């Protein structure tokens, strides 16, 4: 089922909040010794919205329910994956009331159970009583899977510096300005709503992970080439999710000599972005959005 997004609703106020969140995340991220502090200075969502298709509706995965930390009203929290041998054993949907329990005309609660007659007075059988069901959960657990294809024209501008630590630490500093001017993203995203805890979990699913929760893996119907004993190795997951990232770079001070569009620097930043997406968002890693009380 295709979903239309009103992309123009993403205004400057949302951009400012997202910039603040990114800068808080960058401030706590470990950097190489030759890279200075990284700061996002601007973010524009662009005019091209992603193509979104709802492909699956399921119970929430147990993996998202394992972390019971108490968080404050509104926070964006990174959840790194546990050890794979422990984590993949938890893929089954969590038991108990779920999104399917709240369909109109459907009840997941047990039918009334009659109490057996009393043994002390068999001539007057006791009146059948019922066990009152637990109150229904007004905030069910729900997990949605979306196929997303996005040829984006967003623009993110970052500033940092290249540090020369010889013959002494921070002996020289070269300012760097980087602008991500667009990217192509193709992948499946899982969004899990934990109703009782009022938390939203977000991750990207890898269709080539044999142990992952990808619901509809793509199968190649082409028979293998028997003449080629070694099949081609697929590209890394970051390369498959983000096949193209467009970057503009400037090294140096604006009022002096500036090097523009340095290929080595841009390739390095592309690799960093892909690696960050893989390590932070690809299952079993995920992020959690803590929602405040209404």
Protein backbone atom coordinates (compact mmCIF):
# COMPACT_ATOMS: atom_id res chain seq x y z
CA UNK A 1 0.00 0.00 0.00
CA UNK A 2 1.50 3.31 -1.10
CA UNK A 3 1.62 6.17 1.40
CA UNK A 4 1.64 9.86 0.46
CA UNK A 5 3.72 12.25 2.58
CA UNK A 6 3.05 15.96 2.93
CA UNK A 7 6.73 16.83 2.67
CA UNK A 8 6.16 20.59 2.90
CA UNK A 9 5.19 20.18 6.56
CA UNK A 10 8.88 19.68 7.38
CA UNK A 11 9.62 23.32 8.10
CA UNK A 12 12.52 25.23 9.64
CA UNK A 13 11.40 24.54 13.23
CA UNK A 14 11.73 20.78 12.67
CA UNK A 15 15.10 21.35 11.01
CA UNK A 16 16.34 23.29 14.05
CA UNK A 17 15.28 20.53 16.43
CA UNK A 18 16.94 17.88 14.28
CA UNK A 19 20.15 19.91 14.06
CA UNK A 20 20.23 20.12 17.88
CA UNK A 21 19.73 16.36 18.18
CA UNK A 22 22.50 15.65 15.65
CA UNK A 23 24.92 18.01 17.38
CA UNK A 24 24.29 16.39 20.76
CA UNK A 25 24.97 13.01 19.18
CA UNK A 26 28.14 14.25 17.45
CA UNK A 27 29.42 15.83 20.66
CA UNK A 28 29.41 12.43 22.39
CA UNK A 29 30.86 10.51 19.42
CA UNK A 30 34.50 9.46 19.52
CA UNK A 31 36.56 11.16 16.80
CA UNK A 32 39.96 10.33 15.33
CA UNK A 33 42.77 12.42 16.76
CA UNK A 34 43.21 14.28 13.47
CA UNK A 35 39.56 15.45 13.30
CA UNK A 36 38.35 18.42 15.32
CA UNK A 37 34.84 18.95 16.71
CA UNK A 38 32.09 18.31 14.16
CA UNK A 39 29.06 20.59 14.07
CA UNK A 40 25.96 20.59 11.86
CA UNK A 41 25.23 24.20 10.91
CA UNK A 42 22.19 23.82 8.67
CA UNK A 43 19.72 21.25 7.36
CA UNK A 44 17.23 21.53 4.53
CA UNK A 45 14.84 18.67 3.72
CA UNK A 46 14.58 19.59 0.04
CA UNK A 47 11.51 19.27 -2.15
CA UNK A 48 11.67 15.58 -3.10
CA UNK A 49 9.78 13.27 -0.75
CA UNK A 50 10.53 9.53 -0.47
CA UNK A 51 8.34 6.86 -2.04
CA UNK A 52 6.92 4.89 0.88
CA UNK A 53 5.06 1.58 0.63
CA UNK A 54 3.56 -0.31 3.58
CA UNK A 55 4.48 -3.99 3.10
CA UNK A 56 3.85 -5.64 6.46
CA UNK A 57 1.88 -5.22 9.68
CA UNK A 58 3.00 -7.41 12.57
CA UNK A 59 3.43 -7.84 16.30
CA UNK A 60 6.32 -5.97 17.84
CA UNK A 61 9.61 -7.92 18.01
CA UNK A 62 10.86 -8.96 21.42
CA UNK A 63 14.22 -7.33 20.64
CA UNK A 64 12.68 -3.89 21.00
CA UNK A 65 11.22 -4.76 24.42
CA UNK A 66 14.42 -5.93 26.06
CA UNK A 67 15.68 -2.50 27.21
CA UNK A 68 13.64 -1.33 30.19
CA UNK A 69 15.65 1.77 31.05
CA UNK A 70 13.66 4.67 32.44
CA UNK A 71 14.02 7.61 30.12
CA UNK A 72 12.78 11.16 30.40
CA UNK A 73 9.94 12.84 28.53
CA UNK A 74 11.41 13.13 25.03
CA UNK A 75 14.70 11.66 23.93
CA UNK A 76 16.38 10.01 20.95
CA UNK A 77 18.24 6.98 22.25
CA UNK A 78 20.66 4.70 20.45
CA UNK A 79 20.23 0.99 21.15
CA UNK A 80 23.22 -1.04 20.00
CA UNK A 81 22.63 -4.68 19.17
CA UNK A 82 23.44 -7.39 21.69
CA UNK A 83 25.63 -10.38 20.93
CA UNK A 84 24.21 -12.06 17.85
CA UNK A 85 23.97 -15.51 19.42
CA UNK A 86 21.71 -14.05 22.13
CA UNK A 87 19.80 -11.61 19.98
CA UNK A 88 18.67 -13.76 17.07
CA UNK A 89 17.02 -16.15 19.52
CA UNK A 90 14.65 -13.33 20.45
CA UNK A 91 13.17 -12.60 17.02
CA UNK A 92 9.80 -14.16 17.73
CA UNK A 93 7.02 -11.61 18.22
CA UNK A 94 6.40 -10.91 21.88
CA UNK A 95 3.45 -12.89 23.29
CA UNK A 96 0.39 -11.36 24.91
CA UNK A 97 -1.98 -8.61 23.75
CA UNK A 98 -0.89 -7.21 20.43
CA UNK A 99 -2.17 -5.17 17.54
CA UNK A 100 -4.33 -8.03 16.28
CA UNK A 101 -6.22 -8.11 19.58
CA UNK A 102 -7.85 -4.77 18.86
CA UNK A 103 -9.56 -5.44 15.57
CA UNK A 104 -13.29 -4.68 15.60
CA UNK A 105 -15.29 -7.74 16.60
CA UNK A 106 -12.22 -9.68 17.74
CA UNK A 107 -11.49 -10.67 21.34
CA UNK A 108 -8.24 -12.23 22.52
CA UNK A 109 -9.49 -12.69 26.07
CA UNK A 110 -10.65 -16.12 27.29
CA UNK A 111 -14.33 -17.00 27.28
CA UNK A 112 -16.12 -17.04 30.65
CA UNK A 113 -15.24 -20.18 32.63
CA UNK A 114 -18.06 -21.71 34.75
CA UNK A 115 -17.25 -22.75 38.31
CA UNK A 116 -17.94 -26.47 39.07
CA UNK A 117 -20.83 -27.32 41.44
CA UNK A 118 -20.12 -27.35 45.16
CA UNK A 119 -19.53 -30.79 46.66
CA UNK A 120 -21.17 -29.88 49.96
CA UNK A 121 -24.64 -29.43 48.48
CA UNK A 122 -25.19 -31.44 45.33
CA UNK A 123 -28.97 -30.90 45.31
CA UNK A 124 -28.60 -27.19 44.65
CA UNK A 125 -25.91 -26.63 42.03
CA UNK A 126 -24.10 -23.38 42.45
CA UNK A 127 -24.73 -20.60 40.01
CA UNK A 128 -22.12 -20.36 37.27
CA UNK A 129 -19.75 -17.45 37.75
CA UNK A 130 -17.38 -15.82 35.32
CA UNK A 131 -13.83 -14.60 35.57
CA UNK A 132 -13.64 -10.93 34.72
CA UNK A 133 -11.15 -10.31 31.90
CA UNK A 134 -8.30 -7.91 32.34
CA UNK A 135 -8.99 -4.41 31.02
CA UNK A 136 -7.89 -4.00 27.40
CA UNK A 137 -4.72 -2.11 26.61
CA UNK A 138 -5.68 1.19 25.01
CA UNK A 139 -2.18 1.52 23.51
CA UNK A 140 -1.44 -1.72 21.64
CA UNK A 141 1.97 -2.75 20.41
CA UNK A 142 2.25 -2.32 16.68
CA UNK A 143 5.03 -2.84 14.13
CA UNK A 144 5.00 -1.53 10.57
CA UNK A 145 7.41 -2.36 7.76
CA UNK A 146 7.94 0.14 4.96
CA UNK A 147 9.79 -0.12 1.66
CA UNK A 148 11.41 3.27 1.08
CA UNK A 149 13.00 4.63 -2.08
CA UNK A 150 14.33 8.17 -1.77
CA UNK A 151 16.21 10.15 -4.40
CA UNK A 152 16.75 13.03 -2.02
CA UNK A 153 17.78 16.61 -2.66
CA UNK A 154 18.24 17.42 1.02
CA UNK A 155 21.19 19.56 2.08
CA UNK A 156 23.18 19.18 5.30
CA UNK A 157 26.13 21.45 6.03
CA UNK A 158 28.81 20.48 8.55
CA UNK A 159 31.97 22.16 9.76
CA UNK A 160 35.03 20.58 11.31
CA UNK A 161 38.80 20.87 11.09
CA UNK A 162 41.77 18.77 10.11
CA UNK A 163 44.32 18.70 12.95
CA UNK A 164 48.07 18.33 12.41
CA UNK A 165 49.46 16.85 15.63
CA UNK A 166 53.14 17.00 14.74
CA UNK A 167 55.54 18.14 16.14
CA UNK A 168 53.04 18.87 18.95
CA UNK A 169 49.32 18.26 19.50
CA UNK A 170 47.11 20.56 17.43
CA UNK A 171 50.19 22.14 15.85
CA UNK A 172 48.10 23.16 12.83
CA UNK A 173 44.37 23.27 12.09
CA UNK A 174 42.72 23.42 8.66
CA UNK A 175 39.01 24.32 8.64
CA UNK A 176 36.76 22.01 6.62
CA UNK A 177 33.25 22.70 5.35
CA UNK A 178 31.22 19.77 4.04
CA UNK A 179 27.82 19.88 2.37
CA UNK A 180 25.77 16.77 1.68
CA UNK A 181 23.71 17.91 -1.29
CA UNK A 182 21.72 14.74 -1.93
CA UNK A 183 21.63 10.99 -1.55
CA UNK A 184 19.84 7.87 -2.76
CA UNK A 185 18.38 5.53 -0.16
CA UNK A 186 16.73 2.19 -0.95
CA UNK A 187 15.74 -0.17 1.83
CA UNK A 188 13.12 -1.43 4.26
CA UNK A 189 12.48 0.33 7.56
CA UNK A 190 10.76 -1.18 10.61
CA UNK A 191 8.84 1.18 12.90
CA UNK A 192 7.66 -0.41 16.15
CA UNK A 193 5.27 1.40 18.48
CA UNK A 194 5.42 0.22 22.09
CA UNK A 195 2.07 1.48 23.29
CA UNK A 196 2.29 0.90 27.03
CA UNK A 197 5.76 2.42 27.26
CA UNK A 198 4.98 5.16 24.71
CA UNK A 199 8.17 4.50 22.79
CA UNK A 200 8.83 4.27 19.05
CA UNK A 201 11.66 2.01 17.86
CA UNK A 202 13.24 2.52 14.45
CA UNK A 203 15.67 0.37 12.47
CA UNK A 204 16.64 -0.60 8.94
CA UNK A 205 16.32 -4.24 7.85
CA UNK A 206 18.96 -5.97 5.76
CA UNK A 207 17.32 -8.25 3.19
CA UNK A 208 20.52 -10.31 2.88
CA UNK A 209 20.83 -11.07 6.59
CA UNK A 210 19.75 -14.74 6.90
CA UNK A 211 19.06 -14.33 10.63
CA UNK A 212 17.38 -10.94 10.47
CA UNK A 213 13.64 -10.19 10.63
CA UNK A 214 13.27 -9.10 6.99
CA UNK A 215 9.72 -10.32 6.21
CA UNK A 216 9.89 -10.66 2.42
CA UNK A 217 13.41 -11.55 1.32
CA UNK A 218 14.08 -11.15 -2.33
CA UNK A 219 15.00 -14.36 -4.11
CA UNK A 220 16.94 -14.42 -7.33
CA UNK A 221 15.17 -16.75 -9.75
CA UNK A 222 18.14 -16.77 -12.14
CA UNK A 223 19.94 -20.14 -11.99
CA UNK A 224 23.58 -19.95 -10.90
CA UNK A 225 26.29 -19.91 -13.50
CA UNK A 226 27.98 -23.30 -13.23
CA UNK A 227 31.03 -22.02 -15.09
CA UNK A 228 31.74 -19.51 -12.31
CA UNK A 229 32.79 -21.47 -9.20
CA UNK A 230 32.74 -18.35 -6.98
CA UNK A 231 29.56 -16.21 -7.00
CA UNK A 232 30.05 -12.45 -6.89
CA UNK A 233 30.33 -11.07 -3.37
CA UNK A 234 27.52 -8.59 -2.62
CA UNK A 235 28.53 -5.04 -1.67
CA UNK A 236 28.46 -4.04 2.01
CA UNK A 237 25.09 -3.22 3.52
CA UNK A 238 25.92 0.49 3.73
CA UNK A 239 26.70 0.57 0.02
CA UNK A 240 23.45 -1.23 -0.80
CA UNK A 241 21.32 1.10 1.33
CA UNK A 242 23.06 4.30 0.21
CA UNK A 243 24.42 3.65 -3.28
CA UNK A 244 24.98 7.37 -3.94
CA UNK A 245 25.90 10.24 -1.61
CA UNK A 246 26.64 13.64 -3.15
CA UNK A 247 29.10 15.81 -1.21
CA UNK A 248 30.75 19.19 -1.73
CA UNK A 249 33.88 19.99 0.27
CA UNK A 250 35.98 23.05 1.04
CA UNK A 251 39.30 22.98 2.88
CA UNK A 252 40.86 26.21 4.08
CA UNK A 253 39.72 29.66 5.15
CA UNK A 254 37.15 31.42 3.01
CA UNK A 255 39.14 34.68 2.88
CA UNK A 256 42.29 32.86 1.74
CA UNK A 257 43.12 29.98 -0.56
CA UNK A 258 40.45 27.25 -0.54
CA UNK A 259 40.60 23.73 -1.95
CA UNK A 260 37.19 22.69 -3.28
CA UNK A 261 35.73 19.26 -3.99
CA UNK A 262 38.68 17.20 -2.77
CA UNK A 263 37.88 13.67 -3.95
CA UNK A 264 39.76 11.84 -1.20
CA UNK A 265 37.99 13.81 1.51
CA UNK A 266 34.56 13.26 -0.06
CA UNK A 267 35.12 9.52 -0.40
CA UNK A 268 36.19 9.35 3.23
CA UNK A 269 33.03 11.16 4.37
CA UNK A 270 30.85 8.87 2.22
CA UNK A 271 32.41 5.83 3.88
CA UNK A 272 31.88 7.36 7.33
CA UNK A 273 28.19 8.04 6.61
CA UNK A 274 27.57 4.51 5.33
CA UNK A 275 29.43 2.95 8.24
CA UNK A 276 27.52 5.09 10.75
CA UNK A 277 24.15 4.07 9.27
CA UNK A 278 25.17 0.41 9.38
CA UNK A 279 26.41 0.53 12.98
CA UNK A 280 23.60 2.68 14.37
CA UNK A 281 20.44 1.77 12.46
CA UNK A 282 20.76 -1.60 10.69
CA UNK A 283 19.17 -4.40 12.74
CA UNK A 284 20.09 -5.60 15.38
CA UNK A 285 20.96 -1.96 16.13
CA UNK A 286 18.07 0.46 16.47
CA UNK A 287 17.07 3.85 17.85
CA UNK A 288 14.28 4.62 20.27
CA UNK A 289 12.17 7.76 20.40
CA UNK A 290 10.90 8.42 23.91
CA UNK A 291 7.50 10.09 23.81
CA UNK A 292 6.15 12.17 26.68
CA UNK A 293 2.74 11.75 28.24
CA UNK A 294 -0.11 13.30 26.22
